N, C-alpha and C. Protein backbone atom coordinates (compact mmCIF):
# COMPACT_ATOMS: atom_id res chain seq x y z
N MET A 1 112.85 17.79 109.22
CA MET A 1 114.19 17.90 109.75
C MET A 1 114.79 19.21 109.26
N ARG A 2 115.53 19.89 110.11
CA ARG A 2 116.18 21.14 109.75
C ARG A 2 117.69 20.92 109.73
N LEU A 3 118.33 21.40 108.68
CA LEU A 3 119.77 21.28 108.51
C LEU A 3 120.41 22.63 108.77
N LEU A 4 121.43 22.68 109.62
CA LEU A 4 122.21 23.89 109.84
C LEU A 4 123.56 23.70 109.16
N ILE A 5 123.89 24.61 108.26
CA ILE A 5 125.17 24.57 107.55
C ILE A 5 126.02 25.71 108.11
N VAL A 6 127.14 25.37 108.73
CA VAL A 6 128.03 26.38 109.31
C VAL A 6 129.34 26.31 108.54
N SER A 7 129.70 27.42 107.90
CA SER A 7 130.92 27.45 107.10
C SER A 7 131.46 28.87 107.01
N ASN A 8 132.69 29.00 106.50
CA ASN A 8 133.26 30.33 106.27
C ASN A 8 132.49 31.07 105.20
N ARG A 9 132.06 30.35 104.20
CA ARG A 9 131.48 30.96 103.00
C ARG A 9 129.97 30.77 102.97
N LEU A 10 129.26 31.87 102.79
CA LEU A 10 127.81 31.81 102.61
C LEU A 10 127.51 31.57 101.13
N PRO A 11 126.28 31.17 100.81
CA PRO A 11 125.93 30.98 99.40
C PRO A 11 125.78 32.31 98.66
N ILE A 12 125.91 33.42 99.39
CA ILE A 12 125.90 34.75 98.77
C ILE A 12 127.12 35.52 99.25
N THR A 13 127.53 36.51 98.47
CA THR A 13 128.58 37.44 98.87
C THR A 13 127.93 38.81 98.95
N VAL A 14 128.20 39.55 100.03
CA VAL A 14 127.64 40.89 100.20
C VAL A 14 128.70 41.90 99.82
N ILE A 15 128.31 42.86 98.99
CA ILE A 15 129.19 43.96 98.59
C ILE A 15 128.61 45.23 99.19
N ALA A 16 129.36 45.87 100.09
CA ALA A 16 128.88 47.08 100.77
C ALA A 16 129.50 48.31 100.13
N GLU A 17 128.69 49.02 99.35
CA GLU A 17 129.11 50.28 98.76
C GLU A 17 128.19 51.35 99.35
N ASP A 18 127.50 52.11 98.52
CA ASP A 18 126.52 53.07 99.03
C ASP A 18 125.28 52.33 99.53
N GLU A 19 125.09 51.13 99.04
CA GLU A 19 124.01 50.25 99.47
C GLU A 19 124.55 48.82 99.48
N LEU A 20 123.80 47.91 100.06
CA LEU A 20 124.23 46.52 100.08
C LEU A 20 123.81 45.84 98.79
N LYS A 21 124.75 45.12 98.18
CA LYS A 21 124.47 44.35 96.97
C LYS A 21 124.81 42.90 97.27
N PHE A 22 124.05 41.99 96.68
CA PHE A 22 124.23 40.57 96.92
C PHE A 22 124.47 39.85 95.61
N LYS A 23 125.44 38.94 95.62
CA LYS A 23 125.65 38.10 94.44
C LYS A 23 125.89 36.67 94.91
N GLU A 24 125.54 35.73 94.05
CA GLU A 24 125.68 34.32 94.40
C GLU A 24 127.15 33.93 94.44
N SER A 25 127.56 33.24 95.50
CA SER A 25 128.93 32.74 95.61
C SER A 25 129.09 31.50 94.72
N VAL A 26 130.31 31.26 94.31
CA VAL A 26 130.59 30.08 93.49
C VAL A 26 131.75 29.30 94.10
N GLY A 27 131.82 28.01 93.78
CA GLY A 27 132.94 27.19 94.20
C GLY A 27 132.77 26.59 95.58
N GLY A 28 133.62 25.63 95.87
CA GLY A 28 133.71 25.03 97.19
C GLY A 28 132.43 24.39 97.69
N LEU A 29 132.19 24.57 98.96
CA LEU A 29 131.03 23.97 99.63
C LEU A 29 129.72 24.44 99.03
N VAL A 30 129.66 25.71 98.64
CA VAL A 30 128.44 26.26 98.05
C VAL A 30 128.02 25.46 96.82
N SER A 31 128.95 25.24 95.92
CA SER A 31 128.63 24.48 94.71
C SER A 31 128.28 23.04 95.03
N GLY A 32 129.00 22.46 95.97
CA GLY A 32 128.76 21.07 96.32
C GLY A 32 127.39 20.81 96.92
N LEU A 33 126.90 21.73 97.73
CA LEU A 33 125.61 21.53 98.39
C LEU A 33 124.43 22.11 97.62
N LYS A 34 124.67 23.06 96.72
CA LYS A 34 123.57 23.73 96.02
C LYS A 34 122.67 22.75 95.28
N ALA A 35 123.23 21.84 94.54
CA ALA A 35 122.42 20.88 93.78
C ALA A 35 121.57 20.03 94.72
N TYR A 36 122.15 19.58 95.82
CA TYR A 36 121.40 18.77 96.77
C TYR A 36 120.26 19.58 97.40
N LEU A 37 120.57 20.78 97.88
CA LEU A 37 119.56 21.60 98.54
C LEU A 37 118.44 21.97 97.57
N ASP A 38 118.78 22.28 96.34
CA ASP A 38 117.76 22.59 95.32
C ASP A 38 116.87 21.38 95.05
N SER A 39 117.44 20.19 95.09
CA SER A 39 116.68 18.98 94.79
C SER A 39 115.68 18.63 95.89
N THR A 40 115.85 19.17 97.10
CA THR A 40 114.94 18.85 98.20
C THR A 40 113.72 19.75 98.25
N LYS A 41 113.72 20.84 97.48
CA LYS A 41 112.57 21.76 97.49
C LYS A 41 111.34 21.06 96.94
N GLY A 42 110.24 21.19 97.68
CA GLY A 42 108.99 20.61 97.24
C GLY A 42 108.88 19.10 97.42
N LYS A 43 109.84 18.51 98.11
CA LYS A 43 109.82 17.05 98.34
C LYS A 43 109.12 16.74 99.67
N PRO A 44 108.83 15.48 99.92
CA PRO A 44 108.21 15.10 101.20
C PRO A 44 109.06 15.56 102.38
N GLU A 45 108.42 15.70 103.52
CA GLU A 45 109.08 16.28 104.70
C GLU A 45 110.25 15.48 105.23
N ASN A 46 110.38 14.21 104.86
CA ASN A 46 111.49 13.43 105.40
C ASN A 46 112.84 13.83 104.79
N LEU A 47 112.84 14.67 103.76
CA LEU A 47 114.09 15.18 103.20
C LEU A 47 114.40 16.54 103.83
N THR A 48 115.62 16.99 103.68
CA THR A 48 116.05 18.24 104.27
C THR A 48 115.64 19.42 103.38
N SER A 49 114.38 19.84 103.49
CA SER A 49 113.93 20.98 102.69
C SER A 49 114.00 22.28 103.47
N ASP A 50 114.29 22.18 104.76
CA ASP A 50 114.40 23.36 105.62
C ASP A 50 115.84 23.45 106.10
N TYR A 51 116.53 24.53 105.73
CA TYR A 51 117.92 24.67 106.14
C TYR A 51 118.26 26.12 106.41
N ALA A 52 119.31 26.33 107.20
CA ALA A 52 119.84 27.67 107.48
C ALA A 52 121.34 27.61 107.27
N TRP A 53 121.87 28.64 106.61
CA TRP A 53 123.29 28.71 106.32
C TRP A 53 123.88 29.80 107.21
N ILE A 54 124.87 29.45 108.02
CA ILE A 54 125.47 30.39 108.96
C ILE A 54 126.93 30.60 108.56
N GLY A 55 127.33 31.87 108.39
CA GLY A 55 128.70 32.17 108.02
C GLY A 55 128.92 33.65 107.84
N TRP A 56 130.09 34.02 107.39
CA TRP A 56 130.49 35.42 107.19
C TRP A 56 130.01 35.88 105.82
N PRO A 57 129.47 37.10 105.69
CA PRO A 57 128.94 37.56 104.41
C PRO A 57 130.00 38.02 103.41
N GLY A 58 131.26 38.05 103.79
CA GLY A 58 132.31 38.43 102.85
C GLY A 58 132.80 39.85 102.99
N CYS A 59 132.18 40.63 103.89
CA CYS A 59 132.64 41.99 104.13
C CYS A 59 132.11 42.48 105.47
N THR A 60 132.63 43.61 105.93
CA THR A 60 132.14 44.24 107.13
C THR A 60 131.12 45.31 106.74
N ILE A 61 129.97 45.32 107.38
CA ILE A 61 128.91 46.25 107.04
C ILE A 61 129.04 47.52 107.89
N LYS A 62 129.08 48.68 107.24
CA LYS A 62 129.14 49.95 107.97
C LYS A 62 127.87 50.15 108.77
N ASP A 63 128.00 50.83 109.93
CA ASP A 63 126.82 51.09 110.76
C ASP A 63 125.77 51.87 109.99
N SER A 64 126.17 52.78 109.11
CA SER A 64 125.20 53.60 108.37
C SER A 64 124.34 52.77 107.42
N LEU A 65 124.79 51.57 107.05
CA LEU A 65 124.02 50.71 106.14
C LEU A 65 123.15 49.71 106.88
N LYS A 66 123.37 49.60 108.19
CA LYS A 66 122.58 48.63 108.96
C LYS A 66 121.19 49.20 109.22
N GLY A 67 120.18 48.33 109.13
CA GLY A 67 118.76 48.64 109.31
C GLY A 67 118.51 49.69 110.29
């Protein structure tokens, strides 16, 4: 089973300076789901071990930094 998590906040925050930097987000939904999602890793397939998190990275990325 695949779980799609759609929220304002991603589990990471992107900081766009001369390069992109990533740091783990804290609080709210991220904290609430992190323990559960971590506990499903390496478990039988009937648990939600496959998930995608959809949301805003916390900043606007300049065109010059995009791939």
